[in-house]
Amino acid sequence: MAYSGAYRPREREERPAPPPRPESAPPRKQDALSGALGAVMKKLESLNMETDDLIMALILYLMYRESGDKDLLIMLGAMLLT
């Protein structure tokens, strides 16, 4: 069979390149928050506390903040010392 030349492939449309991102963009709030949280977690690692202890400390702190009861703060301090 001979080629008749009837088939012509479509030409590809070239899309414009997206504009370049600025390299010195200010950090997003989420990045700053995760960086601060990471720094706190590194400091807490030196205390050798397990996850259960961290959750208990957070609960005690939040209960103290709500009620202002200093007994909760004393319990938190005693837990951190042991």
N, C-alpha and C. Protein backbone atom coordinates (compact mmCIF):
# COMPACT_ATOMS: atom_id res chain seq x y z
N MET A 1 0.82 -1.19 0.00
CA MET A 1 0.00 0.00 0.00
C MET A 1 0.86 1.24 0.00
N ALA A 2 0.41 2.14 -0.68
CA ALA A 2 1.12 3.41 -0.78
C ALA A 2 0.51 4.41 0.20
N TYR A 3 1.35 5.27 0.72
CA TYR A 3 0.90 6.29 1.66
C TYR A 3 0.34 7.46 0.87
N SER A 4 -0.94 7.83 1.21
CA SER A 4 -1.58 8.90 0.45
C SER A 4 -1.32 10.28 1.03
N GLY A 5 -0.84 10.36 2.29
CA GLY A 5 -0.57 11.66 2.89
C GLY A 5 -1.80 12.31 3.48
N ALA A 6 -2.90 11.56 3.60
CA ALA A 6 -4.13 12.14 4.11
C ALA A 6 -4.09 12.35 5.64
N TYR A 7 -3.32 11.56 6.34
CA TYR A 7 -3.26 11.70 7.79
C TYR A 7 -2.30 12.82 8.16
N ARG A 8 -2.80 13.73 8.96
CA ARG A 8 -1.95 14.81 9.44
C ARG A 8 -2.15 14.94 10.95
N PRO A 9 -1.14 14.67 11.74
CA PRO A 9 -1.30 14.77 13.20
C PRO A 9 -1.53 16.20 13.63
N ARG A 10 -2.30 16.32 14.73
CA ARG A 10 -2.56 17.67 15.25
C ARG A 10 -1.27 18.26 15.80
N GLU A 11 -1.17 19.54 15.64
CA GLU A 11 -0.01 20.21 16.20
C GLU A 11 -0.26 20.45 17.68
N ARG A 12 0.78 20.28 18.45
CA ARG A 12 0.66 20.49 19.89
C ARG A 12 0.61 21.98 20.19
N GLU A 13 -0.30 22.31 21.12
CA GLU A 13 -0.36 23.70 21.56
C GLU A 13 0.66 23.89 22.67
N GLU A 14 1.45 24.90 22.52
CA GLU A 14 2.45 25.16 23.54
C GLU A 14 1.83 26.05 24.61
N ARG A 15 1.94 25.58 25.84
CA ARG A 15 1.39 26.34 26.97
C ARG A 15 2.46 27.28 27.50
N PRO A 16 2.04 28.45 27.94
CA PRO A 16 3.05 29.37 28.50
C PRO A 16 3.56 28.83 29.83
N ALA A 17 4.82 29.08 30.08
CA ALA A 17 5.43 28.61 31.33
C ALA A 17 4.86 29.41 32.50
N PRO A 18 4.64 28.75 33.66
CA PRO A 18 4.13 29.48 34.82
C PRO A 18 5.17 30.49 35.29
N PRO A 19 4.72 31.59 35.90
CA PRO A 19 5.67 32.59 36.36
C PRO A 19 6.54 32.02 37.49
N PRO A 20 7.80 32.40 37.54
CA PRO A 20 8.69 31.85 38.58
C PRO A 20 8.26 32.33 39.97
N ARG A 21 8.44 31.46 40.95
CA ARG A 21 8.11 31.81 42.33
C ARG A 21 9.24 32.65 42.91
N PRO A 22 8.87 33.62 43.71
CA PRO A 22 9.95 34.38 44.37
C PRO A 22 10.64 33.50 45.41
N GLU A 23 11.96 33.53 45.40
CA GLU A 23 12.72 32.65 46.30
C GLU A 23 12.73 33.14 47.74
N SER A 24 12.58 34.43 47.93
CA SER A 24 12.64 34.98 49.28
C SER A 24 11.24 35.29 49.82
N ALA A 25 10.32 34.37 49.61
CA ALA A 25 8.96 34.57 50.10
C ALA A 25 8.95 34.45 51.62
N PRO A 26 8.16 35.27 52.30
CA PRO A 26 8.11 35.16 53.76
C PRO A 26 7.50 33.83 54.17
N PRO A 27 7.92 33.27 55.31
CA PRO A 27 7.39 31.97 55.72
C PRO A 27 5.91 32.07 56.05
N ARG A 28 5.19 31.02 55.70
CA ARG A 28 3.76 31.00 56.00
C ARG A 28 3.57 30.78 57.49
N LYS A 29 2.37 31.12 57.98
CA LYS A 29 2.08 30.94 59.40
C LYS A 29 2.22 29.49 59.80
N GLN A 30 1.78 28.59 58.95
CA GLN A 30 1.83 27.18 59.28
C GLN A 30 3.29 26.72 59.43
N ASP A 31 4.18 27.21 58.57
CA ASP A 31 5.58 26.84 58.69
C ASP A 31 6.18 27.38 59.98
N ALA A 32 5.83 28.60 60.33
CA ALA A 32 6.34 29.19 61.56
C ALA A 32 5.83 28.43 62.77
N LEU A 33 4.56 28.03 62.73
CA LEU A 33 3.98 27.29 63.84
C LEU A 33 4.63 25.93 63.98
N SER A 34 4.82 25.24 62.87
CA SER A 34 5.44 23.91 62.96
C SER A 34 6.90 24.02 63.40
N GLY A 35 7.58 25.10 63.03
CA GLY A 35 8.95 25.31 63.49
C GLY A 35 9.01 25.54 64.99
N ALA A 36 8.07 26.34 65.50
CA ALA A 36 8.02 26.60 66.94
C ALA A 36 7.64 25.33 67.70
N LEU A 37 6.71 24.58 67.15
CA LEU A 37 6.30 23.33 67.79
C LEU A 37 7.45 22.33 67.80
N GLY A 38 8.20 22.29 66.73
CA GLY A 38 9.37 21.40 66.67
C GLY A 38 10.42 21.78 67.70
N ALA A 39 10.62 23.08 67.91
CA ALA A 39 11.58 23.53 68.90
C ALA A 39 11.15 23.13 70.31
N VAL A 40 9.86 23.27 70.59
CA VAL A 40 9.35 22.88 71.91
C VAL A 40 9.49 21.38 72.10
N MET A 41 9.20 20.61 71.06
CA MET A 41 9.30 19.16 71.17
C MET A 41 10.75 18.71 71.41
N LYS A 42 11.71 19.40 70.80
CA LYS A 42 13.12 19.06 71.03
C LYS A 42 13.51 19.32 72.47
N LYS A 43 12.98 20.42 73.04
CA LYS A 43 13.28 20.70 74.45
C LYS A 43 12.65 19.67 75.35
N LEU A 44 11.46 19.21 75.00
CA LEU A 44 10.78 18.22 75.83
C LEU A 44 11.41 16.84 75.72
N GLU A 45 12.11 16.57 74.63
CA GLU A 45 12.78 15.28 74.48
C GLU A 45 13.85 15.10 75.54
N SER A 46 14.47 16.21 75.96
CA SER A 46 15.52 16.11 76.97
C SER A 46 14.94 15.72 78.33
N LEU A 47 13.63 15.88 78.52
CA LEU A 47 13.00 15.49 79.79
C LEU A 47 12.71 13.99 79.84
N ASN A 48 12.88 13.29 78.73
CA ASN A 48 12.60 11.85 78.63
C ASN A 48 11.18 11.51 79.05
N MET A 49 10.22 12.28 78.56
CA MET A 49 8.81 12.03 78.88
C MET A 49 8.18 11.25 77.74
N GLU A 50 7.32 10.33 78.09
CA GLU A 50 6.60 9.57 77.08
C GLU A 50 5.38 10.37 76.64
N THR A 51 4.72 9.89 75.60
CA THR A 51 3.56 10.58 75.06
C THR A 51 2.44 10.70 76.10
N ASP A 52 2.25 9.65 76.88
CA ASP A 52 1.21 9.68 77.92
C ASP A 52 1.48 10.80 78.92
N ASP A 53 2.75 10.95 79.29
CA ASP A 53 3.11 12.00 80.25
C ASP A 53 2.89 13.38 79.66
N LEU A 54 3.22 13.55 78.39
CA LEU A 54 3.02 14.85 77.74
C LEU A 54 1.54 15.21 77.67
N ILE A 55 0.71 14.22 77.37
CA ILE A 55 -0.74 14.47 77.30
C ILE A 55 -1.27 14.84 78.67
N MET A 56 -0.82 14.14 79.72
CA MET A 56 -1.26 14.44 81.08
C MET A 56 -0.81 15.84 81.49
N ALA A 57 0.41 16.21 81.15
CA ALA A 57 0.90 17.55 81.48
C ALA A 57 0.07 18.62 80.77
N LEU A 58 -0.26 18.38 79.53
CA LEU A 58 -1.08 19.33 78.78
C LEU A 58 -2.47 19.47 79.39
N ILE A 59 -3.06 18.35 79.79
CA ILE A 59 -4.39 18.38 80.41
C ILE A 59 -4.34 19.15 81.73
N LEU A 60 -3.32 18.88 82.55
CA LEU A 60 -3.19 19.58 83.82
C LEU A 60 -3.00 21.08 83.61
N TYR A 61 -2.18 21.44 82.62
CA TYR A 61 -1.95 22.86 82.35
C TYR A 61 -3.23 23.54 81.88
N LEU A 62 -3.97 22.89 80.99
CA LEU A 62 -5.21 23.50 80.50
C LEU A 62 -6.25 23.62 81.60
N MET A 63 -6.32 22.62 82.50
CA MET A 63 -7.25 22.70 83.62
C MET A 63 -6.85 23.84 84.56
N TYR A 64 -5.54 24.01 84.78
CA TYR A 64 -5.07 25.12 85.62
C TYR A 64 -5.42 26.46 84.98
N ARG A 65 -5.24 26.55 83.68
CA ARG A 65 -5.53 27.82 82.99
C ARG A 65 -7.00 28.18 83.06
N GLU A 66 -7.87 27.19 83.01
CA GLU A 66 -9.32 27.43 83.08
C GLU A 66 -9.76 27.81 84.48
N SER A 67 -9.27 27.08 85.48
CA SER A 67 -9.80 27.27 86.83
C SER A 67 -8.94 28.20 87.69
N GLY A 68 -7.65 28.25 87.43
CA GLY A 68 -6.76 29.06 88.26
C GLY A 68 -6.42 28.36 89.57
N ASP A 69 -6.79 27.08 89.71
CA ASP A 69 -6.52 26.32 90.92
C ASP A 69 -5.03 25.97 90.97
N LYS A 70 -4.34 26.45 91.98
CA LYS A 70 -2.89 26.26 92.07
C LYS A 70 -2.52 24.82 92.40
N ASP A 71 -3.45 24.04 92.91
CA ASP A 71 -3.16 22.63 93.18
C ASP A 71 -2.82 21.89 91.88
N LEU A 72 -3.50 22.25 90.80
CA LEU A 72 -3.21 21.62 89.51
C LEU A 72 -1.81 21.97 89.04
N LEU A 73 -1.39 23.19 89.30
CA LEU A 73 -0.05 23.62 88.92
C LEU A 73 1.00 22.88 89.75
N ILE A 74 0.71 22.64 91.02
CA ILE A 74 1.63 21.88 91.88
C ILE A 74 1.73 20.44 91.38
N MET A 75 0.60 19.85 90.98
CA MET A 75 0.62 18.48 90.45
C MET A 75 1.45 18.41 89.17
N LEU A 76 1.32 19.42 88.33
CA LEU A 76 2.08 19.46 87.09
C LEU A 76 3.57 19.55 87.38
N GLY A 77 3.94 20.39 88.33
CA GLY A 77 5.34 20.53 88.69
C GLY A 77 5.90 19.24 89.28
N ALA A 78 5.12 18.57 90.12
CA ALA A 78 5.57 17.31 90.71
C ALA A 78 5.73 16.24 89.64
N MET A 79 4.84 16.25 88.66
CA MET A 79 4.94 15.27 87.59
C MET A 79 6.19 15.51 86.74
N LEU A 80 6.53 16.77 86.53
CA LEU A 80 7.71 17.08 85.72
C LEU A 80 9.00 16.76 86.47
N LEU A 81 8.98 16.80 87.80
CA LEU A 81 10.17 16.50 88.57
C LEU A 81 10.49 15.02 88.62
N THR A 82 9.48 14.18 88.53
CA THR A 82 9.72 12.74 88.63
C THR A 82 10.07 12.13 87.30
